[in-house]
Amino acid sequence: MSAGTNGVIERWFGTLKYEHLFRGVIADGDALDMEVHRFRLIYHTIRPHQPLDDRTPSAAYTRS
């Protein structure tokens, strides 16, 4: 893994924590798994990204 890849992963985890996980109580591992899955769907299909001209990753990928 390169330093750039590591930065991307760290940024994703930071976004996961501060935009999603820290907003509510997560009771156990199953709830955590569900919330991470929900966030992954939101992150790729609903949440716009500035580097992608405010498109979602799925929209940027399918319109390439």
Protein backbone atom coordinates (compact mmCIF):
# COMPACT_ATOMS: atom_id res chain seq x y z
CA MET A 1 0.00 0.00 0.00
CA SER A 2 1.37 3.40 -0.93
CA ALA A 3 1.35 6.52 1.22
CA GLY A 4 -1.37 8.01 -1.00
CA THR A 5 -3.59 4.98 -0.56
CA ASN A 6 -3.08 5.13 3.18
CA GLY A 7 -4.23 8.76 3.17
CA VAL A 8 -7.37 7.89 1.23
CA ILE A 9 -8.23 5.11 3.69
CA GLU A 10 -7.58 7.36 6.70
CA ARG A 11 -9.78 10.07 5.19
CA TRP A 12 -12.60 7.55 4.60
CA PHE A 13 -12.43 6.30 8.20
CA GLY A 14 -12.41 9.88 9.50
CA THR A 15 -15.48 10.70 7.41
CA LEU A 16 -17.17 7.51 8.60
CA LYS A 17 -16.54 8.39 12.23
CA TYR A 18 -17.35 12.10 12.22
CA GLU A 19 -20.22 12.17 9.72
CA HIS A 20 -21.94 8.94 10.71
CA LEU A 21 -20.80 6.89 13.72
CA PHE A 22 -20.37 9.68 16.29
CA ARG A 23 -23.94 10.87 15.70
CA GLY A 24 -25.60 8.03 17.58
CA VAL A 25 -25.17 5.18 20.02
CA ILE A 26 -23.95 1.87 18.63
CA ALA A 27 -24.83 -0.95 20.99
CA ASP A 28 -22.83 -3.89 19.64
CA GLY A 29 -20.79 -5.31 16.79
CA ASP A 30 -23.85 -6.19 14.71
CA ALA A 31 -25.12 -2.61 14.94
CA LEU A 32 -21.66 -1.33 13.99
CA ASP A 33 -21.60 -3.62 10.96
CA MET A 34 -25.01 -2.37 9.87
CA GLU A 35 -24.04 1.30 10.30
CA VAL A 36 -20.78 0.90 8.36
CA HIS A 37 -22.71 -0.79 5.55
CA ARG A 38 -25.30 2.02 5.55
CA PHE A 39 -22.57 4.66 5.44
CA ARG A 40 -20.80 2.89 2.58
CA LEU A 41 -23.99 3.03 0.53
CA ILE A 42 -24.55 6.70 1.43
CA TYR A 43 -20.91 7.57 0.70
CA HIS A 44 -20.94 6.01 -2.77
CA THR A 45 -24.48 6.74 -3.98
CA ILE A 46 -25.86 9.82 -2.14
CA ARG A 47 -23.03 11.95 -0.70
CA PRO A 48 -21.51 14.35 -3.28
CA HIS A 49 -17.71 14.69 -3.43
CA GLN A 50 -15.94 17.96 -4.30
CA PRO A 51 -13.07 16.31 -6.24
CA LEU A 52 -15.70 14.66 -8.44
CA ASP A 53 -17.38 17.98 -9.31
CA ASP A 54 -19.99 17.41 -6.59
CA ARG A 55 -21.04 14.07 -8.06
CA THR A 56 -21.29 10.82 -6.18
CA PRO A 57 -18.60 8.19 -6.87
CA SER A 58 -21.16 5.91 -8.51
CA ALA A 59 -22.36 8.74 -10.80
CA ALA A 60 -18.78 9.68 -11.70
CA TYR A 61 -17.95 6.05 -12.45
CA THR A 62 -21.01 5.35 -14.60
CA ARG A 63 -20.73 8.61 -16.59
CA SER A 64 -17.04 8.21 -17.41
